[in-house]
Amino acid sequence: MSDISQTGTWYFGGSAIKRLEAALAAIPSCLPLLALRVALAVPFFKSGLTKWEGFLTLSAGAQYLFSEEFKLHILGNEYPYPFPSLMAHLSGIAEITLPILLVLGLGTRFAALGLLAMTAIIQLTVPEGWANFHLPWAAMALTLVVFGGGKLALERVLGWS
């Protein structure tokens, strides 16, 4: 391959690329893990806020969605949610508590695993959302399950991990 510039320092295989790569590798892993925690938490928390009208008072819209609109798409068939009121309550509670735990870095692996399971159920409910929403959520959650919350997680500060 030919160099972009014979006189400059930016060329393929040159030391500038190696320095840039070294600078990127020097970024503490806790920073992208914190970013992943926040990025995964935001959409779930926002969704959770829409499910409540007050403290432990599920909105009528959430009850309607789980009992009438949401269907599980399994092997080409649609099935109603089992126990729709219970599912709506559990979903609403999880969408508030798990993102808070993620952002704080408390039980990060378990909170991420819970959101990964929710993502799987959401995928069965809204199968056309895979590429735009569910795949990135699953990738973020799986990364946090594997690597944990990092040094900026409260669980690390408290010595729990």
N, C-alpha and C. Protein backbone atom coordinates (compact mmCIF):
# COMPACT_ATOMS: atom_id res chain seq x y z
N MET A 1 0.85 -1.18 0.00
CA MET A 1 0.00 0.00 0.00
C MET A 1 0.88 1.23 0.00
N SER A 2 0.40 2.27 -0.62
CA SER A 2 1.20 3.50 -0.68
C SER A 2 0.84 4.39 0.50
N ASP A 3 1.81 5.18 0.90
CA ASP A 3 1.61 6.11 2.00
C ASP A 3 0.73 7.27 1.55
N ILE A 4 -0.04 7.82 2.48
CA ILE A 4 -0.86 8.99 2.16
C ILE A 4 0.06 10.19 1.96
N SER A 5 1.06 10.32 2.77
CA SER A 5 1.98 11.44 2.68
C SER A 5 3.38 10.95 3.06
N GLN A 6 4.33 11.21 2.21
CA GLN A 6 5.70 10.81 2.50
C GLN A 6 6.33 11.71 3.55
N THR A 7 5.85 12.94 3.65
CA THR A 7 6.47 13.89 4.58
C THR A 7 5.78 13.94 5.93
N GLY A 8 4.50 13.59 6.00
CA GLY A 8 3.76 13.67 7.26
C GLY A 8 3.97 12.43 8.11
N THR A 9 3.43 12.45 9.32
CA THR A 9 3.57 11.31 10.22
C THR A 9 2.37 10.39 10.16
N TRP A 10 1.32 10.77 9.44
CA TRP A 10 0.10 9.96 9.39
C TRP A 10 0.13 9.11 8.12
N TYR A 11 0.54 7.89 8.28
CA TYR A 11 0.53 6.98 7.15
C TYR A 11 0.30 5.57 7.67
N PHE A 12 -0.16 4.69 6.80
CA PHE A 12 -0.51 3.34 7.18
C PHE A 12 0.72 2.63 7.73
N GLY A 13 0.58 2.03 8.90
CA GLY A 13 1.68 1.31 9.51
C GLY A 13 2.64 2.20 10.27
N GLY A 14 2.35 3.48 10.34
CA GLY A 14 3.27 4.42 10.98
C GLY A 14 3.10 4.50 12.47
N SER A 15 3.98 5.22 13.08
CA SER A 15 3.96 5.33 14.53
C SER A 15 2.79 6.16 15.04
N ALA A 16 2.25 7.05 14.20
CA ALA A 16 1.11 7.86 14.63
C ALA A 16 -0.10 6.97 14.93
N ILE A 17 -0.33 5.99 14.09
CA ILE A 17 -1.45 5.07 14.32
C ILE A 17 -1.21 4.26 15.59
N LYS A 18 0.02 3.85 15.78
CA LYS A 18 0.35 3.07 16.98
C LYS A 18 0.18 3.91 18.23
N ARG A 19 0.56 5.19 18.16
CA ARG A 19 0.36 6.08 19.32
C ARG A 19 -1.12 6.29 19.60
N LEU A 20 -1.89 6.47 18.52
CA LEU A 20 -3.33 6.65 18.69
C LEU A 20 -3.96 5.39 19.30
N GLU A 21 -3.55 4.24 18.81
CA GLU A 21 -4.07 2.99 19.36
C GLU A 21 -3.69 2.82 20.82
N ALA A 22 -2.47 3.19 21.17
CA ALA A 22 -2.04 3.12 22.57
C ALA A 22 -2.84 4.08 23.44
N ALA A 23 -3.13 5.27 22.92
CA ALA A 23 -3.92 6.24 23.68
C ALA A 23 -5.34 5.71 23.90
N LEU A 24 -5.92 5.10 22.88
CA LEU A 24 -7.26 4.53 23.03
C LEU A 24 -7.25 3.36 24.01
N ALA A 25 -6.21 2.54 23.96
CA ALA A 25 -6.11 1.40 24.87
C ALA A 25 -5.91 1.84 26.31
N ALA A 26 -5.43 3.07 26.50
CA ALA A 26 -5.18 3.57 27.86
C ALA A 26 -6.46 4.10 28.53
N ILE A 27 -7.56 4.20 27.79
CA ILE A 27 -8.82 4.64 28.40
C ILE A 27 -9.22 3.61 29.45
N PRO A 28 -9.46 4.03 30.67
CA PRO A 28 -9.85 3.07 31.71
C PRO A 28 -11.14 2.34 31.33
N SER A 29 -11.16 1.04 31.52
CA SER A 29 -12.34 0.25 31.15
C SER A 29 -13.58 0.65 31.94
N CYS A 30 -13.39 1.29 33.08
CA CYS A 30 -14.55 1.69 33.87
C CYS A 30 -15.39 2.75 33.16
N LEU A 31 -14.79 3.55 32.28
CA LEU A 31 -15.55 4.60 31.59
C LEU A 31 -16.54 4.03 30.57
N PRO A 32 -16.11 3.14 29.66
CA PRO A 32 -17.12 2.57 28.76
C PRO A 32 -18.14 1.69 29.49
N LEU A 33 -17.74 1.05 30.58
CA LEU A 33 -18.71 0.25 31.34
C LEU A 33 -19.76 1.16 31.99
N LEU A 34 -19.34 2.31 32.48
CA LEU A 34 -20.30 3.28 33.02
C LEU A 34 -21.22 3.77 31.91
N ALA A 35 -20.65 4.08 30.75
CA ALA A 35 -21.47 4.53 29.62
C ALA A 35 -22.49 3.45 29.22
N LEU A 36 -22.07 2.20 29.20
CA LEU A 36 -22.99 1.10 28.88
C LEU A 36 -24.10 1.00 29.92
N ARG A 37 -23.75 1.15 31.19
CA ARG A 37 -24.76 1.07 32.25
C ARG A 37 -25.83 2.15 32.06
N VAL A 38 -25.39 3.36 31.79
CA VAL A 38 -26.34 4.47 31.61
C VAL A 38 -27.14 4.29 30.32
N ALA A 39 -26.45 3.93 29.23
CA ALA A 39 -27.13 3.77 27.94
C ALA A 39 -28.20 2.68 27.98
N LEU A 40 -27.94 1.60 28.69
CA LEU A 40 -28.93 0.53 28.80
C LEU A 40 -30.05 0.92 29.75
N ALA A 41 -29.73 1.66 30.78
CA ALA A 41 -30.73 2.03 31.79
C ALA A 41 -31.78 3.00 31.25
N VAL A 42 -31.37 3.95 30.45
CA VAL A 42 -32.27 5.04 30.04
C VAL A 42 -33.55 4.56 29.35
N PRO A 43 -33.50 3.75 28.30
CA PRO A 43 -34.76 3.38 27.65
C PRO A 43 -35.68 2.56 28.53
N PHE A 44 -35.11 1.71 29.37
CA PHE A 44 -35.95 0.90 30.25
C PHE A 44 -36.59 1.77 31.33
N PHE A 45 -35.81 2.69 31.91
CA PHE A 45 -36.36 3.57 32.95
C PHE A 45 -37.47 4.45 32.38
N LYS A 46 -37.24 5.01 31.18
CA LYS A 46 -38.27 5.85 30.56
C LYS A 46 -39.55 5.04 30.30
N SER A 47 -39.39 3.81 29.84
CA SER A 47 -40.55 2.96 29.62
C SER A 47 -41.25 2.65 30.93
N GLY A 48 -40.47 2.42 31.98
CA GLY A 48 -41.06 2.14 33.29
C GLY A 48 -41.87 3.30 33.83
N LEU A 49 -41.41 4.52 33.57
CA LEU A 49 -42.15 5.69 34.05
C LEU A 49 -43.54 5.79 33.43
N THR A 50 -43.69 5.30 32.21
CA THR A 50 -45.00 5.38 31.54
C THR A 50 -45.99 4.37 32.07
N LYS A 51 -45.53 3.40 32.85
CA LYS A 51 -46.41 2.34 33.34
C LYS A 51 -47.10 2.67 34.66
N TRP A 52 -46.74 3.79 35.27
CA TRP A 52 -47.26 4.08 36.61
C TRP A 52 -48.00 5.41 36.63
N GLU A 53 -49.08 5.44 37.40
CA GLU A 53 -49.82 6.68 37.64
C GLU A 53 -49.50 7.25 39.01
N GLY A 54 -48.91 6.47 39.86
CA GLY A 54 -48.53 6.86 41.20
C GLY A 54 -47.78 5.71 41.82
N PHE A 55 -47.47 5.82 43.08
CA PHE A 55 -46.70 4.77 43.75
C PHE A 55 -47.48 3.46 43.72
N LEU A 56 -46.94 2.49 43.03
CA LEU A 56 -47.52 1.16 42.86
C LEU A 56 -48.94 1.18 42.30
N THR A 57 -49.28 2.24 41.56
CA THR A 57 -50.56 2.32 40.88
C THR A 57 -50.29 2.22 39.39
N LEU A 58 -50.56 1.05 38.84
CA LEU A 58 -50.29 0.79 37.43
C LEU A 58 -51.24 1.61 36.57
N SER A 59 -50.74 2.18 35.49
CA SER A 59 -51.57 2.99 34.62
C SER A 59 -52.55 2.10 33.86
N ALA A 60 -53.67 2.69 33.49
CA ALA A 60 -54.67 1.95 32.71
C ALA A 60 -54.09 1.56 31.36
N GLY A 61 -53.25 2.42 30.81
CA GLY A 61 -52.63 2.11 29.52
C GLY A 61 -51.75 0.88 29.59
N ALA A 62 -50.99 0.74 30.66
CA ALA A 62 -50.13 -0.44 30.81
C ALA A 62 -50.97 -1.70 30.96
N GLN A 63 -52.04 -1.60 31.74
CA GLN A 63 -52.92 -2.75 31.91
C GLN A 63 -53.55 -3.15 30.58
N TYR A 64 -53.96 -2.16 29.81
CA TYR A 64 -54.57 -2.43 28.51
C TYR A 64 -53.56 -3.08 27.56
N LEU A 65 -52.36 -2.54 27.50
CA LEU A 65 -51.34 -3.09 26.60
C LEU A 65 -51.08 -4.57 26.88
N PHE A 66 -50.89 -4.90 28.14
CA PHE A 66 -50.56 -6.29 28.48
C PHE A 66 -51.75 -7.23 28.34
N SER A 67 -52.96 -6.72 28.51
CA SER A 67 -54.12 -7.61 28.41
C SER A 67 -54.69 -7.68 27.00
N GLU A 68 -54.54 -6.62 26.20
CA GLU A 68 -55.20 -6.59 24.89
C GLU A 68 -54.23 -6.50 23.71
N GLU A 69 -53.21 -5.71 23.80
CA GLU A 69 -52.35 -5.43 22.66
C GLU A 69 -51.15 -6.36 22.54
N PHE A 70 -50.42 -6.53 23.60
CA PHE A 70 -49.19 -7.31 23.54
C PHE A 70 -49.50 -8.80 23.35
N LYS A 71 -48.80 -9.38 22.41
CA LYS A 71 -48.89 -10.82 22.14
C LYS A 71 -47.48 -11.37 22.04
N LEU A 72 -47.31 -12.61 22.45
CA LEU A 72 -46.03 -13.29 22.31
C LEU A 72 -46.01 -13.97 20.95
N HIS A 73 -45.00 -13.66 20.13
CA HIS A 73 -44.86 -14.25 18.80
C HIS A 73 -43.88 -15.41 18.90
N ILE A 74 -44.43 -16.62 18.89
CA ILE A 74 -43.60 -17.82 19.05
C ILE A 74 -43.91 -18.77 17.90
N LEU A 75 -42.87 -19.10 17.13
CA LEU A 75 -42.97 -20.06 16.02
C LEU A 75 -44.11 -19.72 15.06
N GLY A 76 -44.23 -18.44 14.75
CA GLY A 76 -45.22 -18.00 13.77
C GLY A 76 -46.62 -17.82 14.30
N ASN A 77 -46.83 -18.08 15.56
CA ASN A 77 -48.16 -17.91 16.17
C ASN A 77 -48.13 -16.79 17.20
N GLU A 78 -49.29 -16.22 17.47
CA GLU A 78 -49.42 -15.19 18.49
C GLU A 78 -50.17 -15.76 19.68
N TYR A 79 -49.63 -15.52 20.87
CA TYR A 79 -50.25 -15.99 22.10
C TYR A 79 -50.42 -14.82 23.05
N PRO A 80 -51.55 -14.76 23.77
CA PRO A 80 -51.71 -13.68 24.75
C PRO A 80 -50.73 -13.87 25.91
N TYR A 81 -50.40 -12.76 26.54
CA TYR A 81 -49.54 -12.83 27.72
C TYR A 81 -50.24 -13.62 28.82
N PRO A 82 -49.55 -14.54 29.46
CA PRO A 82 -50.15 -15.20 30.63
C PRO A 82 -50.17 -14.22 31.80
N PHE A 83 -51.23 -14.23 32.56
CA PHE A 83 -51.34 -13.36 33.74
C PHE A 83 -50.97 -11.91 33.39
N PRO A 84 -51.73 -11.26 32.50
CA PRO A 84 -51.34 -9.94 31.99
C PRO A 84 -51.18 -8.87 33.08
N SER A 85 -52.04 -8.88 34.09
CA SER A 85 -51.91 -7.88 35.15
C SER A 85 -50.62 -8.08 35.93
N LEU A 86 -50.31 -9.31 36.26
CA LEU A 86 -49.07 -9.62 36.97
C LEU A 86 -47.86 -9.25 36.11
N MET A 87 -47.91 -9.58 34.82
CA MET A 87 -46.80 -9.27 33.92
C MET A 87 -46.60 -7.75 33.81
N ALA A 88 -47.69 -7.00 33.77
CA ALA A 88 -47.60 -5.55 33.68
C ALA A 88 -46.95 -4.98 34.94
N HIS A 89 -47.37 -5.49 36.10
CA HIS A 89 -46.79 -5.03 37.36
C HIS A 89 -45.30 -5.38 37.46
N LEU A 90 -44.97 -6.62 37.15
CA LEU A 90 -43.57 -7.04 37.22
C LEU A 90 -42.70 -6.26 36.24
N SER A 91 -43.22 -6.04 35.05
CA SER A 91 -42.49 -5.28 34.06
C SER A 91 -42.26 -3.84 34.53
N GLY A 92 -43.31 -3.23 35.06
CA GLY A 92 -43.19 -1.86 35.54
C GLY A 92 -42.21 -1.73 36.70
N ILE A 93 -42.24 -2.68 37.62
CA ILE A 93 -41.31 -2.65 38.75
C ILE A 93 -39.88 -2.86 38.26
N ALA A 94 -39.69 -3.85 37.37
CA ALA A 94 -38.35 -4.13 36.86
C ALA A 94 -37.80 -2.97 36.05
N GLU A 95 -38.65 -2.31 35.27
CA GLU A 95 -38.18 -1.20 34.43
C GLU A 95 -37.82 0.04 35.24
N ILE A 96 -38.20 0.09 36.48
CA ILE A 96 -37.78 1.19 37.35
C ILE A 96 -36.58 0.76 38.20
N THR A 97 -36.66 -0.38 38.83
CA THR A 97 -35.60 -0.78 39.78
C THR A 97 -34.31 -1.23 39.10
N LEU A 98 -34.40 -2.03 38.05
CA LEU A 98 -33.17 -2.54 37.43
C LEU A 98 -32.32 -1.43 36.82
N PRO A 99 -32.90 -0.44 36.12
CA PRO A 99 -32.06 0.65 35.63
C PRO A 99 -31.41 1.48 36.74
N ILE A 100 -32.12 1.67 37.85
CA ILE A 100 -31.53 2.41 38.97
C ILE A 100 -30.33 1.64 39.51
N LEU A 101 -30.50 0.32 39.69
CA LEU A 101 -29.39 -0.51 40.15
C LEU A 101 -28.22 -0.46 39.17
N LEU A 102 -28.52 -0.47 37.88
CA LEU A 102 -27.45 -0.41 36.87
C LEU A 102 -26.66 0.88 36.97
N VAL A 103 -27.35 2.00 37.00
CA VAL A 103 -26.66 3.30 37.05
C VAL A 103 -25.82 3.41 38.31
N LEU A 104 -26.35 2.95 39.43
CA LEU A 104 -25.59 3.00 40.68
C LEU A 104 -24.46 1.97 40.68
N GLY A 105 -24.60 0.94 39.90
CA GLY A 105 -23.59 -0.12 39.90
C GLY A 105 -23.76 -1.04 41.09
N LEU A 106 -24.99 -1.34 41.43
CA LEU A 106 -25.30 -2.29 42.52
C LEU A 106 -25.92 -3.54 41.91
N GLY A 107 -25.28 -4.68 42.10
CA GLY A 107 -25.78 -5.90 41.50
C GLY A 107 -25.82 -5.79 39.98
N THR A 108 -24.79 -5.17 39.43
CA THR A 108 -24.76 -4.87 38.00
C THR A 108 -25.02 -6.10 37.14
N ARG A 109 -24.32 -7.18 37.43
CA ARG A 109 -24.49 -8.38 36.60
C ARG A 109 -25.91 -8.91 36.66
N PHE A 110 -26.52 -8.90 37.84
CA PHE A 110 -27.89 -9.41 37.99
C PHE A 110 -28.91 -8.46 37.37
N ALA A 111 -28.70 -7.15 37.53
CA ALA A 111 -29.59 -6.17 36.92
C ALA A 111 -29.52 -6.28 35.39
N ALA A 112 -28.31 -6.42 34.86
CA ALA A 112 -28.15 -6.57 33.41
C ALA A 112 -28.76 -7.88 32.93
N LEU A 113 -28.63 -8.94 33.71
CA LEU A 113 -29.24 -10.22 33.34
C LEU A 113 -30.76 -10.09 33.31
N GLY A 114 -31.32 -9.36 34.27
CA GLY A 114 -32.76 -9.12 34.27
C GLY A 114 -33.21 -8.35 33.05
N LEU A 115 -32.44 -7.33 32.66
CA LEU A 115 -32.79 -6.56 31.47
C LEU A 115 -32.57 -7.37 30.20
N LEU A 116 -31.61 -8.27 30.21
CA LEU A 116 -31.41 -9.18 29.07
C LEU A 116 -32.62 -10.10 28.91
N ALA A 117 -33.12 -10.62 30.03
CA ALA A 117 -34.32 -11.47 29.98
C ALA A 117 -35.53 -10.65 29.50
N MET A 118 -35.65 -9.42 29.98
CA MET A 118 -36.75 -8.58 29.53
C MET A 118 -36.64 -8.30 28.04
N THR A 119 -35.40 -8.09 27.56
CA THR A 119 -35.19 -7.85 26.14
C THR A 119 -35.63 -9.05 25.32
N ALA A 120 -35.38 -10.24 25.81
CA ALA A 120 -35.83 -11.45 25.11
C ALA A 120 -37.35 -11.50 25.03
N ILE A 121 -38.02 -11.14 26.11
CA ILE A 121 -39.49 -11.13 26.11
C ILE A 121 -40.02 -10.03 25.19
N ILE A 122 -39.37 -8.87 25.23
CA ILE A 122 -39.76 -7.78 24.34
C ILE A 122 -39.58 -8.21 22.89
N GLN A 123 -38.50 -8.94 22.60
CA GLN A 123 -38.27 -9.43 21.24
C GLN A 123 -39.40 -10.34 20.80
N LEU A 124 -39.88 -11.19 21.70
CA LEU A 124 -41.00 -12.06 21.36
C LEU A 124 -42.29 -11.28 21.17
N THR A 125 -42.37 -10.11 21.82
CA THR A 125 -43.58 -9.29 21.73
C THR A 125 -43.54 -8.38 20.49
N VAL A 126 -42.39 -7.82 20.20
CA VAL A 126 -42.22 -6.89 19.07
C VAL A 126 -41.05 -7.39 18.21
N PRO A 127 -41.27 -8.43 17.42
CA PRO A 127 -40.15 -9.04 16.70
C PRO A 127 -39.47 -8.13 15.68
N GLU A 128 -40.18 -7.15 15.16
CA GLU A 128 -39.57 -6.26 14.16
C GLU A 128 -38.60 -5.25 14.77
N GLY A 129 -38.46 -5.20 16.07
CA GLY A 129 -37.55 -4.27 16.72
C GLY A 129 -36.15 -4.80 16.93
N TRP A 130 -35.84 -5.98 16.37
CA TRP A 130 -34.56 -6.63 16.66
C TRP A 130 -33.36 -5.77 16.31
N ALA A 131 -33.25 -5.34 15.08
CA ALA A 131 -32.02 -4.67 14.63
C ALA A 131 -31.85 -3.29 15.27
N ASN A 132 -32.92 -2.55 15.43
CA ASN A 132 -32.81 -1.17 15.91
C ASN A 132 -32.75 -1.03 17.42
N PHE A 133 -33.38 -1.94 18.14
CA PHE A 133 -33.46 -1.78 19.59
C PHE A 133 -32.95 -3.00 20.35
N HIS A 134 -33.52 -4.13 20.09
CA HIS A 134 -33.28 -5.31 20.92
C HIS A 134 -31.85 -5.83 20.81
N LEU A 135 -31.27 -5.84 19.61
CA LEU A 135 -29.90 -6.31 19.46
C LEU A 135 -28.92 -5.44 20.24
N PRO A 136 -28.97 -4.10 20.11
CA PRO A 136 -28.06 -3.28 20.93
C PRO A 136 -28.30 -3.44 22.43
N TRP A 137 -29.57 -3.53 22.85
CA TRP A 137 -29.84 -3.73 24.28
C TRP A 137 -29.26 -5.05 24.75
N ALA A 138 -29.45 -6.11 23.97
CA ALA A 138 -28.93 -7.42 24.34
C ALA A 138 -27.40 -7.39 24.40
N ALA A 139 -26.77 -6.73 23.45
CA ALA A 139 -25.31 -6.65 23.44
C ALA A 139 -24.80 -5.89 24.65
N MET A 140 -25.45 -4.77 24.99
CA MET A 140 -25.03 -4.00 26.17
C MET A 140 -25.22 -4.81 27.44
N ALA A 141 -26.38 -5.45 27.56
CA ALA A 141 -26.67 -6.24 28.77
C ALA A 141 -25.70 -7.40 28.90
N LEU A 142 -25.44 -8.10 27.82
CA LEU A 142 -24.51 -9.23 27.87
C LEU A 142 -23.10 -8.78 28.24
N THR A 143 -22.68 -7.64 27.73
CA THR A 143 -21.36 -7.11 28.09
C THR A 143 -21.29 -6.84 29.59
N LEU A 144 -22.35 -6.27 30.16
CA LEU A 144 -22.36 -5.97 31.59
C LEU A 144 -22.47 -7.23 32.43
N VAL A 145 -23.16 -8.24 31.93
CA VAL A 145 -23.22 -9.53 32.64
C VAL A 145 -21.82 -10.12 32.72
N VAL A 146 -21.08 -10.06 31.63
CA VAL A 146 -19.75 -10.66 31.57
C VAL A 146 -18.70 -9.85 32.34
N PHE A 147 -18.68 -8.53 32.14
CA PHE A 147 -17.62 -7.69 32.70
C PHE A 147 -18.00 -6.98 34.00
N GLY A 148 -19.26 -6.95 34.35
CA GLY A 148 -19.67 -6.25 35.56
C GLY A 148 -19.68 -4.74 35.35
N GLY A 149 -19.83 -4.02 36.44
CA GLY A 149 -19.98 -2.57 36.38
C GLY A 149 -18.70 -1.77 36.31
N GLY A 150 -17.57 -2.38 36.59
CA GLY A 150 -16.31 -1.65 36.55
C GLY A 150 -15.98 -0.97 37.86
N LYS A 151 -14.86 -0.26 37.87
CA LYS A 151 -14.37 0.38 39.09
C LYS A 151 -15.25 1.54 39.55
N LEU A 152 -16.07 2.10 38.66
CA LEU A 152 -16.95 3.21 39.06
C LEU A 152 -18.32 2.72 39.54
N ALA A 153 -18.45 1.45 39.77
CA ALA A 153 -19.70 0.89 40.28
C ALA A 153 -19.69 0.94 41.80
N LEU A 154 -20.82 1.25 42.39
CA LEU A 154 -20.94 1.34 43.83
C LEU A 154 -20.60 0.00 44.50
N GLU A 155 -20.94 -1.11 43.85
CA GLU A 155 -20.62 -2.42 44.41
C GLU A 155 -19.10 -2.60 44.57
N ARG A 156 -18.32 -2.02 43.68
CA ARG A 156 -16.86 -2.11 43.77
C ARG A 156 -16.36 -1.23 44.92
N VAL A 157 -16.93 -0.04 45.03
CA VAL A 157 -16.54 0.88 46.10
C VAL A 157 -16.83 0.27 47.47
N LEU A 158 -17.97 -0.42 47.56
CA LEU A 158 -18.37 -1.04 48.82
C LEU A 158 -17.65 -2.37 49.08
N GLY A 159 -16.89 -2.83 48.11
CA GLY A 159 -16.16 -4.08 48.27
C GLY A 159 -17.00 -5.33 48.07
N TRP A 160 -18.12 -5.20 47.36
CA TRP A 160 -19.01 -6.34 47.14
C TRP A 160 -18.59 -7.18 45.94
N SER A 161 -17.68 -6.66 45.13
CA SER A 161 -17.26 -7.44 43.96
C SER A 161 -15.76 -7.36 43.77
